[in-house]
PDB file of N, CA and C in Angstrom:
ATOM      1  N   MET A   1      -0.421   6.895  12.667  1.00  0.00           N
ATOM      2  CA  MET A   1       0.122   7.613  11.523  1.00  0.00           C
ATOM      3  C   MET A   1       0.931   8.797  12.033  1.00  0.00           C
ATOM      4  N   VAL A   2       2.070   9.015  11.442  1.00  0.00           N
ATOM      5  CA  VAL A   2       2.955  10.117  11.799  1.00  0.00           C
ATOM      6  C   VAL A   2       2.698  11.277  10.850  1.00  0.00           C
ATOM      7  N   ARG A   3       2.474  12.480  11.397  1.00  0.00           N
ATOM      8  CA  ARG A   3       2.169  13.640  10.564  1.00  0.00           C
ATOM      9  C   ARG A   3       3.226  14.736  10.627  1.00  0.00           C
ATOM     10  N   ASP A   4       4.105  14.687  11.632  1.00  0.00           N
ATOM     11  CA  ASP A   4       5.085  15.757  11.765  1.00  0.00           C
ATOM     12  C   ASP A   4       6.296  15.250  12.534  1.00  0.00           C
ATOM     13  N   GLY A   5       7.261  16.129  12.747  1.00  0.00           N
ATOM     14  CA  GLY A   5       8.485  15.746  13.431  1.00  0.00           C
ATOM     15  C   GLY A   5       8.257  15.266  14.843  1.00  0.00           C
ATOM     16  N   ASP A   6       7.348  15.918  15.578  1.00  0.00           N
ATOM     17  CA  ASP A   6       7.053  15.488  16.947  1.00  0.00           C
ATOM     18  C   ASP A   6       6.434  14.097  16.957  1.00  0.00           C
ATOM     19  N   GLY A   7       5.540  13.822  16.005  1.00  0.00           N
ATOM     20  CA  GLY A   7       4.928  12.507  15.908  1.00  0.00           C
ATOM     21  C   GLY A   7       5.950  11.447  15.562  1.00  0.00           C
ATOM     22  N   LEU A   8       6.889  11.798  14.713  1.00  0.00           N
ATOM     23  CA  LEU A   8       7.951  10.874  14.338  1.00  0.00           C
ATOM     24  C   LEU A   8       8.836  10.570  15.548  1.00  0.00           C
ATOM     25  N   ALA A   9       9.158  11.603  16.322  1.00  0.00           N
ATOM     26  CA  ALA A   9       9.965  11.412  17.533  1.00  0.00           C
ATOM     27  C   ALA A   9       9.228  10.531  18.534  1.00  0.00           C
ATOM     28  N   ALA A  10       7.919  10.766  18.700  1.00  0.00           N
ATOM     29  CA  ALA A  10       7.115   9.974  19.634  1.00  0.00           C
ATOM     30  C   ALA A  10       7.034   8.506  19.214  1.00  0.00           C
ATOM     31  N   ALA A  11       7.153   8.250  17.914  1.00  0.00           N
ATOM     32  CA  ALA A  11       7.111   6.877  17.405  1.00  0.00           C
ATOM     33  C   ALA A  11       8.486   6.204  17.481  1.00  0.00           C
ATOM     34  N   GLY A  12       9.467   6.889  18.035  1.00  0.00           N
ATOM     35  CA  GLY A  12      10.800   6.305  18.173  1.00  0.00           C
ATOM     36  C   GLY A  12      11.864   6.989  17.354  1.00  0.00           C
ATOM     37  N   GLY A  13      11.442   7.896  16.483  1.00  0.00           N
ATOM     38  CA  GLY A  13      12.399   8.628  15.663  1.00  0.00           C
ATOM     39  C   GLY A  13      12.920   7.797  14.506  1.00  0.00           C
ATOM     40  N   THR A  14      13.740   8.433  13.709  1.00  0.00           N
ATOM     41  CA  THR A  14      14.306   7.769  12.539  1.00  0.00           C
ATOM     42  C   THR A  14      15.731   8.247  12.328  1.00  0.00           C
ATOM     43  N   ASP A  15      16.489   7.465  11.604  1.00  0.00           N
ATOM     44  CA  ASP A  15      17.869   7.829  11.303  1.00  0.00           C
ATOM     45  C   ASP A  15      17.972   8.725  10.082  1.00  0.00           C
ATOM     46  N   ILE A  16      17.025   8.573   9.141  1.00  0.00           N
ATOM     47  CA  ILE A  16      17.081   9.328   7.883  1.00  0.00           C
ATOM     48  C   ILE A  16      15.692   9.827   7.519  1.00  0.00           C
ATOM     49  N   VAL A  17      15.616  11.082   7.107  1.00  0.00           N
ATOM     50  CA  VAL A  17      14.402  11.637   6.507  1.00  0.00           C
ATOM     51  C   VAL A  17      14.766  12.056   5.094  1.00  0.00           C
ATOM     52  N   LEU A  18      14.001  11.555   4.121  1.00  0.00           N
ATOM     53  CA  LEU A  18      14.167  12.015   2.741  1.00  0.00           C
ATOM     54  C   LEU A  18      13.204  13.175   2.553  1.00  0.00           C
ATOM     55  N   GLY A  19      13.720  14.379   2.490  1.00  0.00           N
ATOM     56  CA  GLY A  19      12.902  15.585   2.372  1.00  0.00           C
ATOM     57  C   GLY A  19      12.542  15.864   0.930  1.00  0.00           C
ATOM     58  N   THR A  20      11.466  15.236   0.457  1.00  0.00           N
ATOM     59  CA  THR A  20      11.044  15.396  -0.933  1.00  0.00           C
ATOM     60  C   THR A  20      10.001  16.489  -1.097  1.00  0.00           C
ATOM     61  N   SER A  21       9.618  17.118  -0.017  1.00  0.00           N
ATOM     62  CA  SER A  21       8.572  18.137  -0.042  1.00  0.00           C
ATOM     63  C   SER A  21       9.051  19.409  -0.734  1.00  0.00           C
ATOM     64  N   ASN A  22       8.106  20.189  -1.214  1.00  0.00           N
ATOM     65  CA  ASN A  22       8.433  21.521  -1.716  1.00  0.00           C
ATOM     66  C   ASN A  22       8.224  22.556  -0.611  1.00  0.00           C
ATOM     67  N   SER A  23       8.021  22.099   0.617  1.00  0.00           N
ATOM     68  CA  SER A  23       7.811  22.978   1.763  1.00  0.00           C
ATOM     69  C   SER A  23       9.032  22.948   2.671  1.00  0.00           C
ATOM     70  N   THR A  24       9.752  24.055   2.726  1.00  0.00           N
ATOM     71  CA  THR A  24      10.908  24.170   3.609  1.00  0.00           C
ATOM     72  C   THR A  24      10.484  24.012   5.058  1.00  0.00           C
ATOM     73  N   ASP A  25       9.319  24.544   5.419  1.00  0.00           N
ATOM     74  CA  ASP A  25       8.839  24.426   6.796  1.00  0.00           C
ATOM     75  C   ASP A  25       8.625  22.966   7.185  1.00  0.00           C
ATOM     76  N   ALA A  26       8.064  22.171   6.279  1.00  0.00           N
ATOM     77  CA  ALA A  26       7.841  20.747   6.563  1.00  0.00           C
ATOM     78  C   ALA A  26       9.166  20.025   6.736  1.00  0.00           C
ATOM     79  N   MET A  27      10.148  20.355   5.924  1.00  0.00           N
ATOM     80  CA  MET A  27      11.446  19.700   6.055  1.00  0.00           C
ATOM     81  C   MET A  27      12.134  20.103   7.360  1.00  0.00           C
ATOM     82  N   ALA A  28      12.043  21.379   7.727  1.00  0.00           N
ATOM     83  CA  ALA A  28      12.633  21.833   8.990  1.00  0.00           C
ATOM     84  C   ALA A  28      11.943  21.144  10.166  1.00  0.00           C
ATOM     85  N   ASP A  29      10.632  20.986  10.081  1.00  0.00           N
ATOM     86  CA  ASP A  29       9.864  20.321  11.138  1.00  0.00           C
ATOM     87  C   ASP A  29      10.292  18.865  11.297  1.00  0.00           C
ATOM     88  N   SER A  30      10.617  18.212  10.190  1.00  0.00           N
ATOM     89  CA  SER A  30      10.981  16.796  10.241  1.00  0.00           C
ATOM     90  C   SER A  30      12.267  16.559  11.037  1.00  0.00           C
ATOM     91  N   ILE A  31      13.106  17.570  11.187  1.00  0.00           N
ATOM     92  CA  ILE A  31      14.354  17.433  11.949  1.00  0.00           C
ATOM     93  C   ILE A  31      14.061  17.002  13.384  1.00  0.00           C
ATOM     94  N   ARG A  32      12.922  17.435  13.938  1.00  0.00           N
ATOM     95  CA  ARG A  32      12.571  17.062  15.312  1.00  0.00           C
ATOM     96  C   ARG A  32      12.370  15.559  15.462  1.00  0.00           C
ATOM     97  N   GLY A  33      12.117  14.860  14.362  1.00  0.00           N
ATOM     98  CA  GLY A  33      11.911  13.416  14.415  1.00  0.00           C
ATOM     99  C   GLY A  33      13.164  12.601  14.196  1.00  0.00           C
ATOM    100  N   LEU A  34      14.294  13.268  13.967  1.00  0.00           N
ATOM    101  CA  LEU A  34      15.547  12.541  13.755  1.00  0.00           C
ATOM    102  C   LEU A  34      16.167  12.120  15.085  1.00  0.00           C
ATOM    103  N   ARG A  35      16.729  10.937  15.099  1.00  0.00           N
ATOM    104  CA  ARG A  35      17.500  10.470  16.249  1.00  0.00           C
ATOM    105  C   ARG A  35      18.870  11.155  16.235  1.00  0.00           C
ATOM    106  N   PRO A  36      19.616  11.082  17.335  1.00  0.00           N
ATOM    107  CA  PRO A  36      20.991  11.592  17.308  1.00  0.00           C
ATOM    108  C   PRO A  36      21.766  10.941  16.157  1.00  0.00           C
ATOM    109  N   ASP A  37      22.594  11.726  15.504  1.00  0.00           N
ATOM    110  CA  ASP A  37      23.350  11.326  14.313  1.00  0.00           C
ATOM    111  C   ASP A  37      22.452  11.115  13.099  1.00  0.00           C
ATOM    112  N   GLY A  38      21.211  11.601  13.166  1.00  0.00           N
ATOM    113  CA  GLY A  38      20.283  11.462  12.048  1.00  0.00           C
ATOM    114  C   GLY A  38      20.651  12.362  10.887  1.00  0.00           C
ATOM    115  N   ARG A  39      20.080  12.035   9.729  1.00  0.00           N
ATOM    116  CA  ARG A  39      20.370  12.788   8.516  1.00  0.00           C
ATOM    117  C   ARG A  39      19.081  13.208   7.829  1.00  0.00           C
ATOM    118  N   LEU A  40      19.039  14.463   7.434  1.00  0.00           N
ATOM    119  CA  LEU A  40      17.957  14.977   6.592  1.00  0.00           C
ATOM    120  C   LEU A  40      18.545  15.119   5.199  1.00  0.00           C
ATOM    121  N   VAL A  41      18.000  14.372   4.248  1.00  0.00           N
ATOM    122  CA  VAL A  41      18.463  14.443   2.868  1.00  0.00           C
ATOM    123  C   VAL A  41      17.465  15.304   2.100  1.00  0.00           C
ATOM    124  N   LEU A  42      17.902  16.492   1.713  1.00  0.00           N
ATOM    125  CA  LEU A  42      17.034  17.420   0.989  1.00  0.00           C
ATOM    126  C   LEU A  42      16.973  17.023  -0.475  1.00  0.00           C
ATOM    127  N   MET A  43      15.761  16.685  -0.924  1.00  0.00           N
ATOM    128  CA  MET A  43      15.552  16.280  -2.312  1.00  0.00           C
ATOM    129  C   MET A  43      14.523  17.173  -2.985  1.00  0.00           C
ATOM    130  N   GLY A  44      13.851  18.000  -2.212  1.00  0.00           N
ATOM    131  CA  GLY A  44      12.883  18.959  -2.719  1.00  0.00           C
ATOM    132  C   GLY A  44      13.411  20.356  -2.442  1.00  0.00           C
ATOM    133  N   ALA A  45      12.755  21.357  -2.996  1.00  0.00           N
ATOM    134  CA  ALA A  45      13.264  22.707  -2.821  1.00  0.00           C
ATOM    135  C   ALA A  45      12.156  23.739  -2.834  1.00  0.00           C
ATOM    136  N   GLU A  46      12.413  24.794  -2.109  1.00  0.00           N
ATOM    137  CA  GLU A  46      11.581  25.992  -2.084  1.00  0.00           C
ATOM    138  C   GLU A  46      12.561  27.152  -1.939  1.00  0.00           C
ATOM    139  N   ALA A  47      12.218  28.320  -2.423  1.00  0.00           N
ATOM    140  CA  ALA A  47      13.140  29.459  -2.369  1.00  0.00           C
ATOM    141  C   ALA A  47      13.382  29.947  -0.945  1.00  0.00           C
ATOM    142  N   LYS A  48      12.501  29.616  -0.025  1.00  0.00           N
ATOM    143  CA  LYS A  48      12.601  30.038   1.367  1.00  0.00           C
ATOM    144  C   LYS A  48      13.769  29.326   2.066  1.00  0.00           C
ATOM    145  N   PRO A  49      14.544  30.041   2.888  1.00  0.00           N
ATOM    146  CA  PRO A  49      15.658  29.406   3.604  1.00  0.00           C
ATOM    147  C   PRO A  49      15.175  28.335   4.590  1.00  0.00           C
ATOM    148  N   LEU A  50      16.028  27.366   4.843  1.00  0.00           N
ATOM    149  CA  LEU A  50      15.741  26.294   5.789  1.00  0.00           C
ATOM    150  C   LEU A  50      16.170  26.741   7.180  1.00  0.00           C
ATOM    151  N   ALA A  51      15.207  26.834   8.105  1.00  0.00           N
ATOM    152  CA  ALA A  51      15.500  27.237   9.482  1.00  0.00           C
ATOM    153  C   ALA A  51      15.958  26.020  10.278  1.00  0.00           C
ATOM    154  N   VAL A  52      17.196  26.064  10.736  1.00  0.00           N
ATOM    155  CA  VAL A  52      17.767  24.950  11.485  1.00  0.00           C
ATOM    156  C   VAL A  52      18.402  25.488  12.762  1.00  0.00           C
ATOM    157  N   SER A  53      18.140  24.811  13.862  1.00  0.00           N
ATOM    158  CA  SER A  53      18.756  25.194  15.121  1.00  0.00           C
ATOM    159  C   SER A  53      20.196  24.698  15.174  1.00  0.00           C
ATOM    160  N   PRO A  54      21.139  25.585  15.451  1.00  0.00           N
ATOM    161  CA  PRO A  54      22.516  25.126  15.607  1.00  0.00           C
ATOM    162  C   PRO A  54      22.649  24.078  16.717  1.00  0.00           C
ATOM    163  N   PHE A  55      21.764  24.115  17.719  1.00  0.00           N
ATOM    164  CA  PHE A  55      21.813  23.130  18.791  1.00  0.00           C
ATOM    165  C   PHE A  55      21.499  21.728  18.269  1.00  0.00           C
ATOM    166  N   ASP A  56      20.580  21.610  17.290  1.00  0.00           N
ATOM    167  CA  ASP A  56      20.313  20.302  16.684  1.00  0.00           C
ATOM    168  C   ASP A  56      21.562  19.780  15.986  1.00  0.00           C
ATOM    169  N   LEU A  57      22.248  20.662  15.284  1.00  0.00           N
ATOM    170  CA  LEU A  57      23.438  20.254  14.559  1.00  0.00           C
ATOM    171  C   LEU A  57      24.567  19.852  15.512  1.00  0.00           C
ATOM    172  N   LEU A  58      24.728  20.620  16.581  1.00  0.00           N
ATOM    173  CA  LEU A  58      25.826  20.367  17.506  1.00  0.00           C
ATOM    174  C   LEU A  58      25.514  19.285  18.536  1.00  0.00           C
ATOM    175  N   MET A  59      24.428  19.440  19.257  1.00  0.00           N
ATOM    176  CA  MET A  59      24.129  18.548  20.380  1.00  0.00           C
ATOM    177  C   MET A  59      23.603  17.184  19.936  1.00  0.00           C
ATOM    178  N   ARG A  60      22.809  17.168  18.863  1.00  0.00           N
ATOM    179  CA  ARG A  60      22.244  15.895  18.373  1.00  0.00           C
ATOM    180  C   ARG A  60      23.019  15.370  17.171  1.00  0.00           C
ATOM    181  N   ARG A  61      24.011  16.127  16.721  1.00  0.00           N
ATOM    182  CA  ARG A  61      24.890  15.732  15.605  1.00  0.00           C
ATOM    183  C   ARG A  61      24.095  15.445  14.327  1.00  0.00           C
ATOM    184  N   ILE A  62      23.067  16.242  14.090  1.00  0.00           N
ATOM    185  CA  ILE A  62      22.234  16.100  12.892  1.00  0.00           C
ATOM    186  C   ILE A  62      23.025  16.550  11.675  1.00  0.00           C
ATOM    187  N   LYS A  63      22.859  15.847  10.585  1.00  0.00           N
ATOM    188  CA  LYS A  63      23.509  16.210   9.321  1.00  0.00           C
ATOM    189  C   LYS A  63      22.439  16.537   8.286  1.00  0.00           C
ATOM    190  N   ILE A  64      22.684  17.556   7.486  1.00  0.00           N
ATOM    191  CA  ILE A  64      21.786  17.926   6.398  1.00  0.00           C
ATOM    192  C   ILE A  64      22.567  17.755   5.100  1.00  0.00           C
ATOM    193  N   ILE A  65      21.983  16.960   4.207  1.00  0.00           N
ATOM    194  CA  ILE A  65      22.664  16.606   2.966  1.00  0.00           C
ATOM    195  C   ILE A  65      21.764  16.979   1.793  1.00  0.00           C
ATOM    196  N   GLY A  66      22.325  17.601   0.783  1.00  0.00           N
ATOM    197  CA  GLY A  66      21.579  17.901  -0.434  1.00  0.00           C
ATOM    198  C   GLY A  66      21.762  16.794  -1.457  1.00  0.00           C
ATOM    199  N   SER A  67      20.693  16.460  -2.168  1.00  0.00           N
ATOM    200  CA  SER A  67      20.772  15.413  -3.184  1.00  0.00           C
ATOM    201  C   SER A  67      19.996  15.844  -4.416  1.00  0.00           C
ATOM    202  N   GLN A  68      20.640  15.723  -5.564  1.00  0.00           N
ATOM    203  CA  GLN A  68      19.956  16.011  -6.821  1.00  0.00           C
ATOM    204  C   GLN A  68      19.319  14.753  -7.390  1.00  0.00           C
ATOM    205  N   GLN A  69      19.386  13.659  -6.643  1.00  0.00           N
ATOM    206  CA  GLN A  69      18.783  12.397  -7.043  1.00  0.00           C
ATOM    207  C   GLN A  69      19.400  11.866  -8.332  1.00  0.00           C
ATOM    208  N   ASN A  70      20.679  12.114  -8.504  1.00  0.00           N
ATOM    209  CA  ASN A  70      21.366  11.648  -9.707  1.00  0.00           C
ATOM    210  C   ASN A  70      21.913  10.246  -9.506  1.00  0.00           C
ATOM    211  N   GLY A  71      22.129   9.569 -10.573  1.00  0.00           N
ATOM    212  CA  GLY A  71      22.763   8.262 -10.542  1.00  0.00           C
ATOM    213  C   GLY A  71      21.749   7.137 -10.530  1.00  0.00           C
ATOM    214  N   ARG A  72      21.743   6.372 -11.596  1.00  0.00           N
ATOM    215  CA  ARG A  72      20.791   5.269 -11.746  1.00  0.00           C
ATOM    216  C   ARG A  72      20.935   4.238 -10.630  1.00  0.00           C
ATOM    217  N   GLU A  73      22.183   4.003 -10.175  1.00  0.00           N
ATOM    218  CA  GLU A  73      22.392   3.008  -9.130  1.00  0.00           C
ATOM    219  C   GLU A  73      21.694   3.398  -7.827  1.00  0.00           C
ATOM    220  N   TYR A  74      21.616   4.696  -7.548  1.00  0.00           N
ATOM    221  CA  TYR A  74      20.935   5.152  -6.339  1.00  0.00           C
ATOM    222  C   TYR A  74      19.424   4.988  -6.480  1.00  0.00           C
ATOM    223  N   LEU A  75      18.907   5.214  -7.667  1.00  0.00           N
ATOM    224  CA  LEU A  75      17.482   5.022  -7.911  1.00  0.00           C
ATOM    225  C   LEU A  75      17.107   3.559  -7.701  1.00  0.00           C
ATOM    226  N   HIS A  76      17.928   2.648  -8.211  1.00  0.00           N
ATOM    227  CA  HIS A  76      17.650   1.216  -8.035  1.00  0.00           C
ATOM    228  C   HIS A  76      17.667   0.839  -6.555  1.00  0.00           C
ATOM    229  N   GLU A  77      18.621   1.388  -5.823  1.00  0.00           N
ATOM    230  CA  GLU A  77      18.709   1.103  -4.385  1.00  0.00           C
ATOM    231  C   GLU A  77      17.473   1.642  -3.661  1.00  0.00           C
ATOM    232  N   ALA A  78      17.061   2.866  -3.980  1.00  0.00           N
ATOM    233  CA  ALA A  78      15.887   3.462  -3.342  1.00  0.00           C
ATOM    234  C   ALA A  78      14.622   2.675  -3.667  1.00  0.00           C
ATOM    235  N   LEU A  79      14.478   2.255  -4.927  1.00  0.00           N
ATOM    236  CA  LEU A  79      13.305   1.475  -5.315  1.00  0.00           C
ATOM    237  C   LEU A  79      13.280   0.120  -4.606  1.00  0.00           C
ATOM    238  N   ALA A  80      14.437  -0.489  -4.412  1.00  0.00           N
ATOM    239  CA  ALA A  80      14.509  -1.771  -3.704  1.00  0.00           C
ATOM    240  C   ALA A  80      14.087  -1.608  -2.246  1.00  0.00           C
ATOM    241  N   ILE A  81      14.511  -0.526  -1.620  1.00  0.00           N
ATOM    242  CA  ILE A  81      14.110  -0.270  -0.227  1.00  0.00           C
ATOM    243  C   ILE A  81      12.600  -0.057  -0.154  1.00  0.00           C
ATOM    244  N   ALA A  82      12.057   0.727  -1.069  1.00  0.00           N
ATOM    245  CA  ALA A  82      10.612   0.970  -1.083  1.00  0.00           C
ATOM    246  C   ALA A  82       9.838  -0.324  -1.333  1.00  0.00           C
ATOM    247  N   ALA A  83      10.326  -1.147  -2.267  1.00  0.00           N
ATOM    248  CA  ALA A  83       9.645  -2.407  -2.596  1.00  0.00           C
ATOM    249  C   ALA A  83       9.670  -3.387  -1.428  1.00  0.00           C
ATOM    250  N   SER A  84      10.657  -3.265  -0.548  1.00  0.00           N
ATOM    251  CA  SER A  84      10.758  -4.180   0.591  1.00  0.00           C
ATOM    252  C   SER A  84       9.736  -3.858   1.677  1.00  0.00           C
ATOM    253  N   GLY A  85       9.014  -2.737   1.522  1.00  0.00           N
ATOM    254  CA  GLY A  85       7.993  -2.361   2.501  1.00  0.00           C
ATOM    255  C   GLY A  85       8.520  -1.512   3.636  1.00  0.00           C
ATOM    256  N   LYS A  86       9.766  -1.053   3.530  1.00  0.00           N
ATOM    257  CA  LYS A  86      10.368  -0.253   4.592  1.00  0.00           C
ATOM    258  C   LYS A  86      10.042   1.234   4.482  1.00  0.00           C
ATOM    259  N   VAL A  87       9.362   1.615   3.417  1.00  0.00           N
ATOM    260  CA  VAL A  87       9.010   3.021   3.206  1.00  0.00           C
ATOM    261  C   VAL A  87       7.504   3.144   3.213  1.00  0.00           C
ATOM    262  N   ARG A  88       7.014   4.101   3.973  1.00  0.00           N
ATOM    263  CA  ARG A  88       5.579   4.348   4.012  1.00  0.00           C
ATOM    264  C   ARG A  88       5.337   5.802   3.586  1.00  0.00           C
ATOM    265  N   VAL A  89       4.564   5.990   2.567  1.00  0.00           N
ATOM    266  CA  VAL A  89       4.283   7.328   2.056  1.00  0.00           C
ATOM    267  C   VAL A  89       3.109   7.932   2.816  1.00  0.00           C
ATOM    268  N   VAL A  90       3.278   9.160   3.265  1.00  0.00           N
ATOM    269  CA  VAL A  90       2.215   9.873   3.964  1.00  0.00           C
ATOM    270  C   VAL A  90       1.678  10.935   3.010  1.00  0.00           C
ATOM    271  N   THR A  91       0.383  10.916   2.775  1.00  0.00           N
ATOM    272  CA  THR A  91      -0.229  11.850   1.830  1.00  0.00           C
ATOM    273  C   THR A  91      -1.486  12.469   2.407  1.00  0.00           C
ATOM    274  N   GLU A  92      -1.869  13.577   1.819  1.00  0.00           N
ATOM    275  CA  GLU A  92      -3.200  14.148   2.014  1.00  0.00           C
ATOM    276  C   GLU A  92      -3.956  13.826   0.741  1.00  0.00           C
ATOM    277  N   THR A  93      -5.133  13.247   0.862  1.00  0.00           N
ATOM    278  CA  THR A  93      -5.892  12.898  -0.338  1.00  0.00           C
ATOM    279  C   THR A  93      -7.058  13.864  -0.529  1.00  0.00           C
ATOM    280  N   TYR A  94      -7.352  14.113  -1.794  1.00  0.00           N
ATOM    281  CA  TYR A  94      -8.428  15.033  -2.173  1.00  0.00           C
ATOM    282  C   TYR A  94      -9.263  14.392  -3.273  1.00  0.00           C
ATOM    283  N   ARG A  95     -10.563  14.662  -3.230  1.00  0.00           N
ATOM    284  CA  ARG A  95     -11.456  14.218  -4.302  1.00  0.00           C
ATOM    285  C   ARG A  95     -11.285  15.162  -5.496  1.00  0.00           C
ATOM    286  N   PRO A  96     -11.708  14.733  -6.684  1.00  0.00           N
ATOM    287  CA  PRO A  96     -11.573  15.600  -7.865  1.00  0.00           C
ATOM    288  C   PRO A  96     -12.225  16.972  -7.688  1.00  0.00           C
ATOM    289  N   ASP A  97     -13.333  17.048  -6.946  1.00  0.00           N
ATOM    290  CA  ASP A  97     -13.975  18.343  -6.749  1.00  0.00           C
ATOM    291  C   ASP A  97     -13.214  19.237  -5.762  1.00  0.00           C
ATOM    292  N   GLU A  98     -12.119  18.721  -5.163  1.00  0.00           N
ATOM    293  CA  GLU A  98     -11.306  19.489  -4.224  1.00  0.00           C
ATOM    294  C   GLU A  98      -9.947  19.874  -4.805  1.00  0.00           C
ATOM    295  N   ILE A  99      -9.791  19.760  -6.123  1.00  0.00           N
ATOM    296  CA  ILE A  99      -8.503  20.061  -6.755  1.00  0.00           C
ATOM    297  C   ILE A  99      -8.066  21.497  -6.456  1.00  0.00           C
ATOM    298  N   GLY A 100      -8.991  22.426  -6.484  1.00  0.00           N
ATOM    299  CA  GLY A 100      -8.661  23.821  -6.187  1.00  0.00           C
ATOM    300  C   GLY A 100      -8.085  23.975  -4.794  1.00  0.00           C
ATOM    301  N   LYS A 101      -8.699  23.316  -3.825  1.00  0.00           N
ATOM    302  CA  LYS A 101      -8.220  23.357  -2.443  1.00  0.00           C
ATOM    303  C   LYS A 101      -6.827  22.741  -2.341  1.00  0.00           C
ATOM    304  N   ALA A 102      -6.632  21.592  -3.000  1.00  0.00           N
ATOM    305  CA  ALA A 102      -5.333  20.918  -2.973  1.00  0.00           C
ATOM    306  C   ALA A 102      -4.261  21.825  -3.586  1.00  0.00           C
ATOM    307  N   TYR A 103      -4.547  22.416  -4.723  1.00  0.00           N
ATOM    308  CA  TYR A 103      -3.587  23.296  -5.399  1.00  0.00           C
ATOM    309  C   TYR A 103      -3.221  24.478  -4.496  1.00  0.00           C
ATOM    310  N   GLU A 104      -4.220  25.078  -3.876  1.00  0.00           N
ATOM    311  CA  GLU A 104      -3.987  26.234  -3.004  1.00  0.00           C
ATOM    312  C   GLU A 104      -3.093  25.846  -1.823  1.00  0.00           C
ATOM    313  N   ARG A 105      -3.341  24.692  -1.214  1.00  0.00           N
ATOM    314  CA  ARG A 105      -2.535  24.244  -0.075  1.00  0.00           C
ATOM    315  C   ARG A 105      -1.091  23.943  -0.493  1.00  0.00           C
ATOM    316  N   VAL A 106      -0.917  23.352  -1.673  1.00  0.00           N
ATOM    317  CA  VAL A 106       0.436  23.084  -2.174  1.00  0.00           C
ATOM    318  C   VAL A 106       1.149  24.402  -2.451  1.00  0.00           C
ATOM    319  N   GLU A 107       0.454  25.314  -3.103  1.00  0.00           N
ATOM    320  CA  GLU A 107       1.046  26.606  -3.456  1.00  0.00           C
ATOM    321  C   GLU A 107       1.503  27.380  -2.213  1.00  0.00           C
ATOM    322  N   LYS A 108       0.752  27.276  -1.122  1.00  0.00           N
ATOM    323  CA  LYS A 108       1.084  27.977   0.124  1.00  0.00           C
ATOM    324  C   LYS A 108       2.048  27.194   1.008  1.00  0.00           C
ATOM    325  N   GLY A 109       2.444  25.999   0.575  1.00  0.00           N
ATOM    326  CA  GLY A 109       3.349  25.179   1.377  1.00  0.00           C
ATOM    327  C   GLY A 109       2.696  24.601   2.620  1.00  0.00           C
ATOM    328  N   GLN A 110       1.365  24.419   2.591  1.00  0.00           N
ATOM    329  CA  GLN A 110       0.633  23.937   3.757  1.00  0.00           C
ATOM    330  C   GLN A 110       0.407  22.427   3.756  1.00  0.00           C
ATOM    331  N   VAL A 111       0.731  21.766   2.671  1.00  0.00           N
ATOM    332  CA  VAL A 111       0.519  20.319   2.582  1.00  0.00           C
ATOM    333  C   VAL A 111       1.619  19.616   3.357  1.00  0.00           C
ATOM    334  N   ARG A 112       1.231  18.688   4.202  1.00  0.00           N
ATOM    335  CA  ARG A 112       2.206  17.880   4.923  1.00  0.00           C
ATOM    336  C   ARG A 112       2.561  16.703   4.026  1.00  0.00           C
ATOM    337  N   PHE A 113       3.761  16.642   3.550  1.00  0.00           N
ATOM    338  CA  PHE A 113       4.265  15.569   2.709  1.00  0.00           C
ATOM    339  C   PHE A 113       3.746  15.693   1.291  1.00  0.00           C
ATOM    340  N   ARG A 114       2.739  14.943   0.855  1.00  0.00           N
ATOM    341  CA  ARG A 114       2.273  14.977  -0.540  1.00  0.00           C
ATOM    342  C   ARG A 114       0.759  15.165  -0.606  1.00  0.00           C
ATOM    343  N   ALA A 115       0.310  15.865  -1.647  1.00  0.00           N
ATOM    344  CA  ALA A 115      -1.125  16.001  -1.931  1.00  0.00           C
ATOM    345  C   ALA A 115      -1.451  15.101  -3.113  1.00  0.00           C
ATOM    346  N   VAL A 116      -2.468  14.276  -2.967  1.00  0.00           N
ATOM    347  CA  VAL A 116      -2.839  13.335  -4.013  1.00  0.00           C
ATOM    348  C   VAL A 116      -4.339  13.466  -4.301  1.00  0.00           C
ATOM    349  N   VAL A 117      -4.677  13.602  -5.568  1.00  0.00           N
ATOM    350  CA  VAL A 117      -6.080  13.634  -5.975  1.00  0.00           C
ATOM    351  C   VAL A 117      -6.481  12.209  -6.350  1.00  0.00           C
ATOM    352  N   THR A 118      -7.497  11.705  -5.663  1.00  0.00           N
ATOM    353  CA  THR A 118      -7.947  10.330  -5.911  1.00  0.00           C
ATOM    354  C   THR A 118      -9.129  10.349  -6.858  1.00  0.00           C
ATOM    355  N   MET A 119      -9.231   9.325  -7.644  1.00  0.00           N
ATOM    356  CA  MET A 119     -10.335   9.217  -8.630  1.00  0.00           C
ATOM    357  C   MET A 119     -11.343   8.209  -8.146  1.00  0.00           C
TER     358      MET A 119
END
C-alpha cells in the first residue's frame, strides 16, 4: 500500500496524481511520487499555499494543473477509468466511536488521502 509520495516513487511512480485532498501538505508530498513530466491535478483546496520546489518544476518538468471538475464529459471519462479498476482509493478508516478523532485529524489536515467512518 502506498501512503505518501516517497512510497509512490518506490512503487515506480505515476504520471498523474489527482489531488482531491483538503490538505495542501498531502498534495505537495504527492509530487515526490510523480515521474518526470508528471502532472498534479489540484481538485481539492485549503487556504494554505502549496509548497513546490522550483527544481521539481524545472528538472523533472512537473506540471501543476487546477481543475474545478466541471464538464459532464470529464466526469464520465473519470468514472470509466475508475470502473476499469485502474484507480485505487487510499483511505484511513474509523469506527463510529472514533468520529471525533477522525474529525480532528481532517480539521488539522493530518489525514492522508481520505477519512472514512465504517459502520
